[in-house]
Amino acid sequence: MADKIDTRAVGLDVGVAFIRWLTGAENLHYGLWTGLDVTAANLGQAQAAYTERLFAHLPAGRLRILDIGGGAGETAAKLIALGHEVEIVVPSTFLASRCRANAPTAQVHEMRFQDFVSAPHFDLCLFSESFQYIPCALALDKAAGLLVPGGEILIADCFRSDGFRGGGRIRAAGGGHRLALMRTELAARGLAPLAEEDITEAVAPSIELEQALFNVFGHTLARIDAELAARRPRGRWLLHRALSLVLSARRRERLAARLMGHDRTAQAFCRDNRYMIFRLRPGG
C-alpha cells in the first residue's frame, strides 16, 4: 500500500515558501501592527516588530536558550546573532530542515518537546507560539526541569478567553489553552510572572490579513466556477461530483465559509482570545 500523503508537510512547505516570497524571511508567527497599515506589504515589518517585543522580555546577559517549537529557525537565527547559544526542538522533519538552513550553528532536535531529554543546563526555555500545542501542566513542569537555578521560561502565545464558546461553521481564529487554566496552573506551582503583557489588540489584525488572502483564493475559484458554468457545464458538473466524493457536505460548507466568509476579524479574535507574553522564574 502506498504511503499516506503528508498534507501537513505539504502545507508547511507551501506556507513557508509563500511567506519567504512575500517578506524575504520564513517567520511563521503573528505580526505586531501598532502604527502600521494592515497590508501584505507591511507583514515583514509587523513580524519584525513582534520579534523585537518578544526579545524585550529576554533576561540580561548571554543565554543558553532552548527554542521549543522553533518554526523555521528565524527566531533562533536572530538570537544567535545577538550572541546567545540556541538549541531547537521541533517535531516536523520539514521545519527541522529549515531550522538547520536558517540557523546552522543551532543544535536541532527533531522530536516532540514531550520526548526531549536533557540535563538542566538552559538559562531560558522559549515558547513562541508553541505552548498551545503541548499540555499546559506538562509544558511548565518539563521546561522548569531543564533550567539551571535562576533560569526562566518565556511564553508568547494565544490563549482562549474566558468567554470563548466555540461552535460555528469554521474554527474560530486563534486557539490555545484557556487563559483561566493557565492561571490555575501557574498558581498551583507558585509561579507569579516576573512580567506579563497582553498584546492581543496589536496582533489581532494578522487574522484579517490572513482572511483577505483566503478571500483572494475564494474569488479566484468562484470566477473559474462561473466561467465553467457558462462554457463547460458538463465539465463543471463532473468536477463538482468528484469534489463531493472527496469531501463531505459539511467539509465543503466549511471550506466555502473559509474561502468566501468574512467572520474571522480582528474584533472576533479579540473576543475569543488573549495573546499573552509571560516571563516566569520557577523556584524563584
C-alpha atoms as a PDB file:
ATOM      1  CA  MET A   1       0.000   0.000   0.000  1.00  0.00           C
ATOM      2  CA  ALA A   2       1.293   3.455  -0.904  1.00  0.00           C
ATOM      3  CA  ASP A   3       2.391   5.745   1.896  1.00  0.00           C
ATOM      4  CA  LYS A   4      -0.201   8.264   3.060  1.00  0.00           C
ATOM      5  CA  ILE A   5       0.344  11.770   1.704  1.00  0.00           C
ATOM      6  CA  ASP A   6       1.680  14.065   4.434  1.00  0.00           C
ATOM      7  CA  THR A   7      -0.678  17.004   3.879  1.00  0.00           C
ATOM      8  CA  ARG A   8       0.698  18.844   6.918  1.00  0.00           C
ATOM      9  CA  ALA A   9       4.235  18.766   5.488  1.00  0.00           C
ATOM     10  CA  VAL A  10       2.937  19.925   2.111  1.00  0.00           C
ATOM     11  CA  GLY A  11       1.021  22.765   3.775  1.00  0.00           C
ATOM     12  CA  LEU A  12       4.083  23.845   5.767  1.00  0.00           C
ATOM     13  CA  ASP A  13       6.252  23.752   2.672  1.00  0.00           C
ATOM     14  CA  VAL A  14       3.798  25.888   0.691  1.00  0.00           C
ATOM     15  CA  GLY A  15       3.225  28.259   3.614  1.00  0.00           C
ATOM     16  CA  VAL A  16       6.922  28.819   4.253  1.00  0.00           C
ATOM     17  CA  ALA A  17       7.585  29.329   0.536  1.00  0.00           C
ATOM     18  CA  PHE A  18       4.769  31.900   0.350  1.00  0.00           C
ATOM     19  CA  ILE A  19       5.947  33.814   3.432  1.00  0.00           C
ATOM     20  CA  ARG A  20       9.522  33.796   2.116  1.00  0.00           C
ATOM     21  CA  TRP A  21       8.311  35.145  -1.244  1.00  0.00           C
ATOM     22  CA  LEU A  22       6.208  37.840   0.419  1.00  0.00           C
ATOM     23  CA  THR A  23       8.569  39.027   3.165  1.00  0.00           C
ATOM     24  CA  GLY A  24      12.007  37.635   2.354  1.00  0.00           C
ATOM     25  CA  ALA A  25      12.027  35.672   5.643  1.00  0.00           C
ATOM     26  CA  GLU A  26      10.448  32.480   6.957  1.00  0.00           C
ATOM     27  CA  ASN A  27       8.669  33.793  10.038  1.00  0.00           C
ATOM     28  CA  LEU A  28       5.657  31.670  10.965  1.00  0.00           C
ATOM     29  CA  HIS A  29       4.129  33.928  13.606  1.00  0.00           C
ATOM     30  CA  TYR A  30       1.770  36.848  14.097  1.00  0.00           C
ATOM     31  CA  GLY A  31       2.778  40.412  13.365  1.00  0.00           C
ATOM     32  CA  LEU A  32       2.613  43.365  15.765  1.00  0.00           C
ATOM     33  CA  TRP A  33       0.667  46.018  13.880  1.00  0.00           C
ATOM     34  CA  THR A  34       0.875  49.064  16.123  1.00  0.00           C
ATOM     35  CA  GLY A  35       1.329  52.102  13.866  1.00  0.00           C
ATOM     36  CA  LEU A  36       1.244  50.041  10.652  1.00  0.00           C
ATOM     37  CA  ASP A  37      -1.355  49.790   7.924  1.00  0.00           C
ATOM     38  CA  VAL A  38      -2.667  46.229   7.715  1.00  0.00           C
ATOM     39  CA  THR A  39      -1.394  45.316   4.265  1.00  0.00           C
ATOM     40  CA  ALA A  40       0.624  42.418   2.885  1.00  0.00           C
ATOM     41  CA  ALA A  41       3.423  44.874   2.125  1.00  0.00           C
ATOM     42  CA  ASN A  42       3.812  45.555   5.866  1.00  0.00           C
ATOM     43  CA  LEU A  43       3.720  41.934   7.058  1.00  0.00           C
ATOM     44  CA  GLY A  44       7.508  41.604   7.271  1.00  0.00           C
ATOM     45  CA  GLN A  45       7.764  44.830   9.262  1.00  0.00           C
ATOM     46  CA  ALA A  46       4.952  43.732  11.585  1.00  0.00           C
ATOM     47  CA  GLN A  47       6.625  40.358  12.208  1.00  0.00           C
ATOM     48  CA  ALA A  48       9.926  42.113  12.925  1.00  0.00           C
ATOM     49  CA  ALA A  49       8.120  44.337  15.444  1.00  0.00           C
ATOM     50  CA  TYR A  50       6.696  41.217  17.114  1.00  0.00           C
ATOM     51  CA  THR A  51      10.167  39.701  17.458  1.00  0.00           C
ATOM     52  CA  GLU A  52      11.502  42.960  18.892  1.00  0.00           C
ATOM     53  CA  ARG A  53       8.721  42.989  21.512  1.00  0.00           C
ATOM     54  CA  LEU A  54       9.396  39.341  22.376  1.00  0.00           C
ATOM     55  CA  PHE A  55      13.125  39.956  22.765  1.00  0.00           C
ATOM     56  CA  ALA A  56      12.424  42.882  25.085  1.00  0.00           C
ATOM     57  CA  HIS A  57      11.409  40.243  27.650  1.00  0.00           C
ATOM     58  CA  LEU A  58      14.676  38.292  27.465  1.00  0.00           C
ATOM     59  CA  PRO A  59      16.764  38.161  30.648  1.00  0.00           C
ATOM     60  CA  ALA A  60      20.009  40.107  30.569  1.00  0.00           C
ATOM     61  CA  GLY A  61      23.295  38.529  29.558  1.00  0.00           C
ATOM     62  CA  ARG A  62      24.418  35.796  27.194  1.00  0.00           C
ATOM     63  CA  LEU A  63      21.919  32.953  27.453  1.00  0.00           C
ATOM     64  CA  ARG A  64      21.718  29.259  26.706  1.00  0.00           C
ATOM     65  CA  ILE A  65      18.250  29.051  25.154  1.00  0.00           C
ATOM     66  CA  LEU A  66      16.010  26.124  24.280  1.00  0.00           C
ATOM     67  CA  ASP A  67      13.686  27.296  21.496  1.00  0.00           C
ATOM     68  CA  ILE A  68      10.698  24.958  21.789  1.00  0.00           C
ATOM     69  CA  GLY A  69       8.779  24.543  18.538  1.00  0.00           C
ATOM     70  CA  GLY A  70      11.248  26.810  16.759  1.00  0.00           C
ATOM     71  CA  GLY A  71       9.353  27.190  13.477  1.00  0.00           C
ATOM     72  CA  ALA A  72      11.684  27.597  10.521  1.00  0.00           C
ATOM     73  CA  GLY A  73      14.590  28.791  12.691  1.00  0.00           C
ATOM     74  CA  GLU A  74      14.264  32.530  12.046  1.00  0.00           C
ATOM     75  CA  THR A  75      13.916  33.409  15.740  1.00  0.00           C
ATOM     76  CA  ALA A  76      16.853  31.179  16.644  1.00  0.00           C
ATOM     77  CA  ALA A  77      18.995  32.861  13.982  1.00  0.00           C
ATOM     78  CA  LYS A  78      18.221  36.288  15.455  1.00  0.00           C
ATOM     79  CA  LEU A  79      19.014  35.062  18.974  1.00  0.00           C
ATOM     80  CA  ILE A  80      22.336  33.634  17.803  1.00  0.00           C
ATOM     81  CA  ALA A  81      23.152  36.935  16.098  1.00  0.00           C
ATOM     82  CA  LEU A  82      22.693  38.601  19.496  1.00  0.00           C
ATOM     83  CA  GLY A  83      25.310  36.273  20.993  1.00  0.00           C
ATOM     84  CA  HIS A  84      23.084  33.627  22.570  1.00  0.00           C
ATOM     85  CA  GLU A  85      23.595  29.869  22.335  1.00  0.00           C
ATOM     86  CA  VAL A  86      20.459  28.156  20.988  1.00  0.00           C
ATOM     87  CA  GLU A  87      19.115  24.630  20.735  1.00  0.00           C
ATOM     88  CA  ILE A  88      15.835  23.974  18.908  1.00  0.00           C
ATOM     89  CA  VAL A  89      13.203  21.303  19.482  1.00  0.00           C
ATOM     90  CA  VAL A  90      10.820  20.873  16.541  1.00  0.00           C
ATOM     91  CA  PRO A  91       8.754  17.784  15.605  1.00  0.00           C
ATOM     92  CA  SER A  92       8.405  18.443  11.861  1.00  0.00           C
ATOM     93  CA  THR A  93      11.032  16.990   9.531  1.00  0.00           C
ATOM     94  CA  PHE A  94      10.456  19.815   7.079  1.00  0.00           C
ATOM     95  CA  LEU A  95      10.761  22.568   9.697  1.00  0.00           C
ATOM     96  CA  ALA A  96      13.821  20.879  11.196  1.00  0.00           C
ATOM     97  CA  SER A  97      15.482  21.113   7.787  1.00  0.00           C
ATOM     98  CA  ARG A  98      14.613  24.824   7.560  1.00  0.00           C
ATOM     99  CA  CYS A  99      15.993  25.392  11.087  1.00  0.00           C
ATOM    100  CA  ARG A 100      19.301  23.817  10.034  1.00  0.00           C
ATOM    101  CA  ALA A 101      19.379  26.060   6.964  1.00  0.00           C
ATOM    102  CA  ASN A 102      18.396  29.295   8.697  1.00  0.00           C
ATOM    103  CA  ALA A 103      20.269  28.757  11.990  1.00  0.00           C
ATOM    104  CA  PRO A 104      23.181  26.484  11.039  1.00  0.00           C
ATOM    105  CA  THR A 105      25.006  26.880  14.366  1.00  0.00           C
ATOM    106  CA  ALA A 106      21.972  25.840  16.424  1.00  0.00           C
ATOM    107  CA  GLN A 107      21.625  22.255  17.557  1.00  0.00           C
ATOM    108  CA  VAL A 108      18.308  20.939  16.205  1.00  0.00           C
ATOM    109  CA  HIS A 109      16.412  18.148  17.946  1.00  0.00           C
ATOM    110  CA  GLU A 110      13.821  16.695  15.590  1.00  0.00           C
ATOM    111  CA  MET A 111      11.234  15.450  18.069  1.00  0.00           C
ATOM    112  CA  ARG A 112       8.299  16.486  20.219  1.00  0.00           C
ATOM    113  CA  PHE A 113       9.104  18.510  23.310  1.00  0.00           C
ATOM    114  CA  GLN A 114       7.417  15.752  25.317  1.00  0.00           C
ATOM    115  CA  ASP A 115      10.162  13.357  24.160  1.00  0.00           C
ATOM    116  CA  PHE A 116      13.099  15.721  24.624  1.00  0.00           C
ATOM    117  CA  VAL A 117      15.601  14.721  27.319  1.00  0.00           C
ATOM    118  CA  SER A 118      18.431  16.872  28.607  1.00  0.00           C
ATOM    119  CA  ALA A 119      20.296  17.762  31.750  1.00  0.00           C
ATOM    120  CA  PRO A 120      19.132  21.072  33.254  1.00  0.00           C
ATOM    121  CA  HIS A 121      21.586  23.449  31.583  1.00  0.00           C
ATOM    122  CA  PHE A 122      19.405  26.125  29.922  1.00  0.00           C
ATOM    123  CA  ASP A 123      19.070  29.705  31.105  1.00  0.00           C
ATOM    124  CA  LEU A 124      15.817  30.140  29.178  1.00  0.00           C
ATOM    125  CA  CYS A 125      13.094  27.925  27.745  1.00  0.00           C
ATOM    126  CA  LEU A 126      11.292  29.836  24.993  1.00  0.00           C
ATOM    127  CA  PHE A 127       7.805  29.054  23.719  1.00  0.00           C
ATOM    128  CA  SER A 128       6.971  31.389  20.829  1.00  0.00           C
ATOM    129  CA  GLU A 129       3.532  30.276  19.593  1.00  0.00           C
ATOM    130  CA  SER A 130       4.281  26.665  20.509  1.00  0.00           C
ATOM    131  CA  PHE A 131       2.964  26.489  24.083  1.00  0.00           C
ATOM    132  CA  GLN A 132      -0.603  25.858  22.914  1.00  0.00           C
ATOM    133  CA  TYR A 133       0.355  22.558  21.255  1.00  0.00           C
ATOM    134  CA  ILE A 134       1.644  20.982  24.484  1.00  0.00           C
ATOM    135  CA  PRO A 135      -0.428  20.110  27.568  1.00  0.00           C
ATOM    136  CA  CYS A 136      -0.179  23.118  29.855  1.00  0.00           C
ATOM    137  CA  ALA A 137       0.993  21.381  33.047  1.00  0.00           C
ATOM    138  CA  LEU A 138       3.464  19.193  31.161  1.00  0.00           C
ATOM    139  CA  ALA A 139       4.989  22.167  29.329  1.00  0.00           C
ATOM    140  CA  LEU A 140       5.507  24.152  32.530  1.00  0.00           C
ATOM    141  CA  ASP A 141       6.927  21.257  34.535  1.00  0.00           C
ATOM    142  CA  LYS A 142       9.209  19.921  31.825  1.00  0.00           C
ATOM    143  CA  ALA A 143      10.556  23.368  30.974  1.00  0.00           C
ATOM    144  CA  ALA A 144      11.223  24.079  34.650  1.00  0.00           C
ATOM    145  CA  GLY A 145      13.193  20.838  34.900  1.00  0.00           C
ATOM    146  CA  LEU A 146      15.507  21.895  32.057  1.00  0.00           C
ATOM    147  CA  LEU A 147      16.577  25.165  33.672  1.00  0.00           C
ATOM    148  CA  VAL A 148      19.651  25.982  35.715  1.00  0.00           C
ATOM    149  CA  PRO A 149      18.998  27.731  39.055  1.00  0.00           C
ATOM    150  CA  GLY A 150      17.634  31.176  38.306  1.00  0.00           C
ATOM    151  CA  GLY A 151      16.623  30.149  34.772  1.00  0.00           C
ATOM    152  CA  GLU A 152      13.411  31.439  33.243  1.00  0.00           C
ATOM    153  CA  ILE A 153      10.543  30.439  30.959  1.00  0.00           C
ATOM    154  CA  LEU A 154       9.329  32.893  28.318  1.00  0.00           C
ATOM    155  CA  ILE A 155       5.941  32.187  26.720  1.00  0.00           C
ATOM    156  CA  ALA A 156       4.371  34.211  23.916  1.00  0.00           C
ATOM    157  CA  ASP A 157       1.169  32.641  22.649  1.00  0.00           C
ATOM    158  CA  CYS A 158      -2.540  32.793  22.118  1.00  0.00           C
ATOM    159  CA  PHE A 159      -4.894  31.682  24.909  1.00  0.00           C
ATOM    160  CA  ARG A 160      -8.644  31.233  24.706  1.00  0.00           C
ATOM    161  CA  SER A 161     -10.504  33.902  26.657  1.00  0.00           C
ATOM    162  CA  ASP A 162     -12.845  33.013  29.478  1.00  0.00           C
ATOM    163  CA  GLY A 163     -15.857  33.883  27.324  1.00  0.00           C
ATOM    164  CA  PHE A 164     -14.913  31.675  24.378  1.00  0.00           C
ATOM    165  CA  ARG A 165     -17.697  29.242  23.435  1.00  0.00           C
ATOM    166  CA  GLY A 166     -16.648  27.756  20.075  1.00  0.00           C
ATOM    167  CA  GLY A 167     -19.019  26.303  17.518  1.00  0.00           C
ATOM    168  CA  GLY A 168     -19.818  27.943  14.208  1.00  0.00           C
ATOM    169  CA  ARG A 169     -19.242  26.882  10.628  1.00  0.00           C
ATOM    170  CA  ILE A 170     -15.477  27.284  10.819  1.00  0.00           C
ATOM    171  CA  ARG A 171     -12.967  27.084  13.614  1.00  0.00           C
ATOM    172  CA  ALA A 172     -12.660  30.401  15.411  1.00  0.00           C
ATOM    173  CA  ALA A 173      -9.389  32.226  14.810  1.00  0.00           C
ATOM    174  CA  GLY A 174      -6.733  31.858  17.465  1.00  0.00           C
ATOM    175  CA  GLY A 175      -6.653  28.954  19.874  1.00  0.00           C
ATOM    176  CA  GLY A 176      -4.563  27.634  22.706  1.00  0.00           C
ATOM    177  CA  HIS A 177      -5.224  26.736  26.305  1.00  0.00           C
ATOM    178  CA  ARG A 178      -7.867  28.542  28.297  1.00  0.00           C
ATOM    179  CA  LEU A 179      -6.286  31.538  29.967  1.00  0.00           C
ATOM    180  CA  ALA A 180      -8.083  30.579  33.178  1.00  0.00           C
ATOM    181  CA  LEU A 181      -6.394  27.162  33.048  1.00  0.00           C
ATOM    182  CA  MET A 182      -3.002  28.800  32.556  1.00  0.00           C
ATOM    183  CA  ARG A 183      -3.514  30.981  35.611  1.00  0.00           C
ATOM    184  CA  THR A 184      -4.635  27.963  37.650  1.00  0.00           C
ATOM    185  CA  GLU A 185      -1.523  26.007  36.653  1.00  0.00           C
ATOM    186  CA  LEU A 186       0.729  28.950  37.454  1.00  0.00           C
ATOM    187  CA  ALA A 187      -0.878  29.398  40.870  1.00  0.00           C
ATOM    188  CA  ALA A 188      -0.555  25.672  41.605  1.00  0.00           C
ATOM    189  CA  ARG A 189       3.215  25.997  41.097  1.00  0.00           C
ATOM    190  CA  GLY A 190       3.572  29.294  42.928  1.00  0.00           C
ATOM    191  CA  LEU A 191       4.615  30.965  39.681  1.00  0.00           C
ATOM    192  CA  ALA A 192       3.918  34.676  39.831  1.00  0.00           C
ATOM    193  CA  PRO A 193       5.033  36.101  36.485  1.00  0.00           C
ATOM    194  CA  LEU A 194       8.068  38.371  36.567  1.00  0.00           C
ATOM    195  CA  ALA A 195       6.399  40.112  33.640  1.00  0.00           C
ATOM    196  CA  GLU A 196       3.049  39.733  31.914  1.00  0.00           C
ATOM    197  CA  GLU A 197       1.925  41.593  28.803  1.00  0.00           C
ATOM    198  CA  ASP A 198      -1.300  41.410  26.821  1.00  0.00           C
ATOM    199  CA  ILE A 199      -0.675  42.274  23.139  1.00  0.00           C
ATOM    200  CA  THR A 200      -3.982  40.943  21.771  1.00  0.00           C
ATOM    201  CA  GLU A 201      -5.144  44.109  20.045  1.00  0.00           C
ATOM    202  CA  ALA A 202      -1.734  44.669  18.449  1.00  0.00           C
ATOM    203  CA  VAL A 203      -1.517  41.196  16.862  1.00  0.00           C
ATOM    204  CA  ALA A 204      -5.219  40.747  16.009  1.00  0.00           C
ATOM    205  CA  PRO A 205      -5.036  42.423  12.554  1.00  0.00           C
ATOM    206  CA  SER A 206      -2.906  39.470  11.405  1.00  0.00           C
ATOM    207  CA  ILE A 207      -6.160  37.496  11.270  1.00  0.00           C
ATOM    208  CA  GLU A 208      -7.770  39.942   8.860  1.00  0.00           C
ATOM    209  CA  LEU A 209      -4.735  39.828   6.569  1.00  0.00           C
ATOM    210  CA  GLU A 210      -4.876  36.023   6.569  1.00  0.00           C
ATOM    211  CA  GLN A 211      -8.614  36.070   5.824  1.00  0.00           C
ATOM    212  CA  ALA A 212      -8.078  38.524   2.968  1.00  0.00           C
ATOM    213  CA  LEU A 213      -5.636  36.047   1.407  1.00  0.00           C
ATOM    214  CA  PHE A 214      -8.196  33.238   1.652  1.00  0.00           C
ATOM    215  CA  ASN A 215     -10.786  35.546   0.081  1.00  0.00           C
ATOM    216  CA  VAL A 216      -8.442  36.085  -2.874  1.00  0.00           C
ATOM    217  CA  PHE A 217      -8.318  32.306  -3.341  1.00  0.00           C
ATOM    218  CA  GLY A 218     -12.090  32.144  -2.934  1.00  0.00           C
ATOM    219  CA  HIS A 219     -12.703  34.879  -5.502  1.00  0.00           C
ATOM    220  CA  THR A 220     -10.382  33.119  -7.952  1.00  0.00           C
ATOM    221  CA  LEU A 221     -12.184  29.796  -7.555  1.00  0.00           C
ATOM    222  CA  ALA A 222     -15.606  31.465  -7.830  1.00  0.00           C
ATOM    223  CA  ARG A 223     -14.530  33.202 -11.035  1.00  0.00           C
ATOM    224  CA  ILE A 224     -13.297  29.917 -12.534  1.00  0.00           C
ATOM    225  CA  ASP A 225     -16.508  28.168 -11.461  1.00  0.00           C
ATOM    226  CA  ALA A 226     -18.647  30.841 -13.133  1.00  0.00           C
ATOM    227  CA  GLU A 227     -16.639  30.542 -16.341  1.00  0.00           C
ATOM    228  CA  LEU A 228     -17.012  26.741 -16.315  1.00  0.00           C
ATOM    229  CA  ALA A 229     -20.763  27.063 -15.701  1.00  0.00           C
ATOM    230  CA  ALA A 230     -21.101  29.299 -18.755  1.00  0.00           C
ATOM    231  CA  ARG A 231     -18.764  27.488 -21.138  1.00  0.00           C
ATOM    232  CA  ARG A 232     -18.177  23.943 -19.844  1.00  0.00           C
ATOM    233  CA  PRO A 233     -21.259  22.948 -17.808  1.00  0.00           C
ATOM    234  CA  ARG A 234     -20.643  19.220 -18.238  1.00  0.00           C
ATOM    235  CA  GLY A 235     -17.040  19.520 -17.085  1.00  0.00           C
ATOM    236  CA  ARG A 236     -18.152  21.675 -14.157  1.00  0.00           C
ATOM    237  CA  TRP A 237     -20.710  19.037 -13.133  1.00  0.00           C
ATOM    238  CA  LEU A 238     -18.050  16.322 -13.205  1.00  0.00           C
ATOM    239  CA  LEU A 239     -15.689  18.475 -11.158  1.00  0.00           C
ATOM    240  CA  HIS A 240     -18.337  19.164  -8.510  1.00  0.00           C
ATOM    241  CA  ARG A 241     -19.255  15.489  -8.477  1.00  0.00           C
ATOM    242  CA  ALA A 242     -15.643  14.496  -7.893  1.00  0.00           C
ATOM    243  CA  LEU A 243     -15.354  17.056  -5.104  1.00  0.00           C
ATOM    244  CA  SER A 244     -18.478  15.650  -3.412  1.00  0.00           C
ATOM    245  CA  LEU A 245     -16.877  12.206  -3.395  1.00  0.00           C
ATOM    246  CA  VAL A 246     -13.723  13.511  -1.719  1.00  0.00           C
ATOM    247  CA  LEU A 247     -15.247  15.954   0.775  1.00  0.00           C
ATOM    248  CA  SER A 248     -18.389  15.591   2.852  1.00  0.00           C
ATOM    249  CA  ALA A 249     -21.118  18.216   2.573  1.00  0.00           C
ATOM    250  CA  ARG A 250     -20.107  19.633   5.954  1.00  0.00           C
ATOM    251  CA  ARG A 251     -16.451  19.918   4.953  1.00  0.00           C
ATOM    252  CA  ARG A 252     -17.400  21.571   1.675  1.00  0.00           C
ATOM    253  CA  GLU A 253     -19.552  24.049   3.557  1.00  0.00           C
ATOM    254  CA  ARG A 254     -16.726  24.830   5.976  1.00  0.00           C
ATOM    255  CA  LEU A 255     -14.258  25.244   3.130  1.00  0.00           C
ATOM    256  CA  ALA A 256     -16.609  27.625   1.323  1.00  0.00           C
ATOM    257  CA  ALA A 257     -17.081  29.635   4.507  1.00  0.00           C
ATOM    258  CA  ARG A 258     -13.314  29.829   4.959  1.00  0.00           C
ATOM    259  CA  LEU A 259     -12.718  30.959   1.379  1.00  0.00           C
ATOM    260  CA  MET A 260     -15.668  33.295   0.964  1.00  0.00           C
ATOM    261  CA  GLY A 261     -16.543  34.355   4.504  1.00  0.00           C
ATOM    262  CA  HIS A 262     -15.688  37.451   6.486  1.00  0.00           C
ATOM    263  CA  ASP A 263     -16.238  36.171  10.047  1.00  0.00           C
ATOM    264  CA  ARG A 264     -12.566  35.916  11.018  1.00  0.00           C
ATOM    265  CA  THR A 265     -11.977  39.523  12.030  1.00  0.00           C
ATOM    266  CA  ALA A 266      -9.686  41.278  14.469  1.00  0.00           C
ATOM    267  CA  GLN A 267     -12.734  42.018  16.623  1.00  0.00           C
ATOM    268  CA  ALA A 268     -13.724  38.346  16.739  1.00  0.00           C
ATOM    269  CA  PHE A 269     -10.142  37.369  17.547  1.00  0.00           C
ATOM    270  CA  CYS A 270     -10.081  39.784  20.495  1.00  0.00           C
ATOM    271  CA  ARG A 271     -13.412  38.424  21.728  1.00  0.00           C
ATOM    272  CA  ASP A 272     -12.264  34.804  21.717  1.00  0.00           C
ATOM    273  CA  ASN A 273      -8.592  35.098  22.643  1.00  0.00           C
ATOM    274  CA  ARG A 274      -5.944  36.841  24.669  1.00  0.00           C
ATOM    275  CA  TYR A 275      -2.450  36.927  23.218  1.00  0.00           C
ATOM    276  CA  MET A 276      -0.128  36.914  26.226  1.00  0.00           C
ATOM    277  CA  ILE A 277       3.566  37.144  26.995  1.00  0.00           C
ATOM    278  CA  PHE A 278       4.551  35.516  30.286  1.00  0.00           C
ATOM    279  CA  ARG A 279       8.028  35.667  31.808  1.00  0.00           C
ATOM    280  CA  LEU A 280       8.361  33.117  34.593  1.00  0.00           C
ATOM    281  CA  ARG A 281      11.087  32.062  37.023  1.00  0.00           C
ATOM    282  CA  PRO A 282      10.390  28.644  38.557  1.00  0.00           C
ATOM    283  CA  GLY A 283      11.696  28.191  42.072  1.00  0.00           C
ATOM    284  CA  GLY A 284      12.292  31.905  42.421  1.00  0.00           C
END
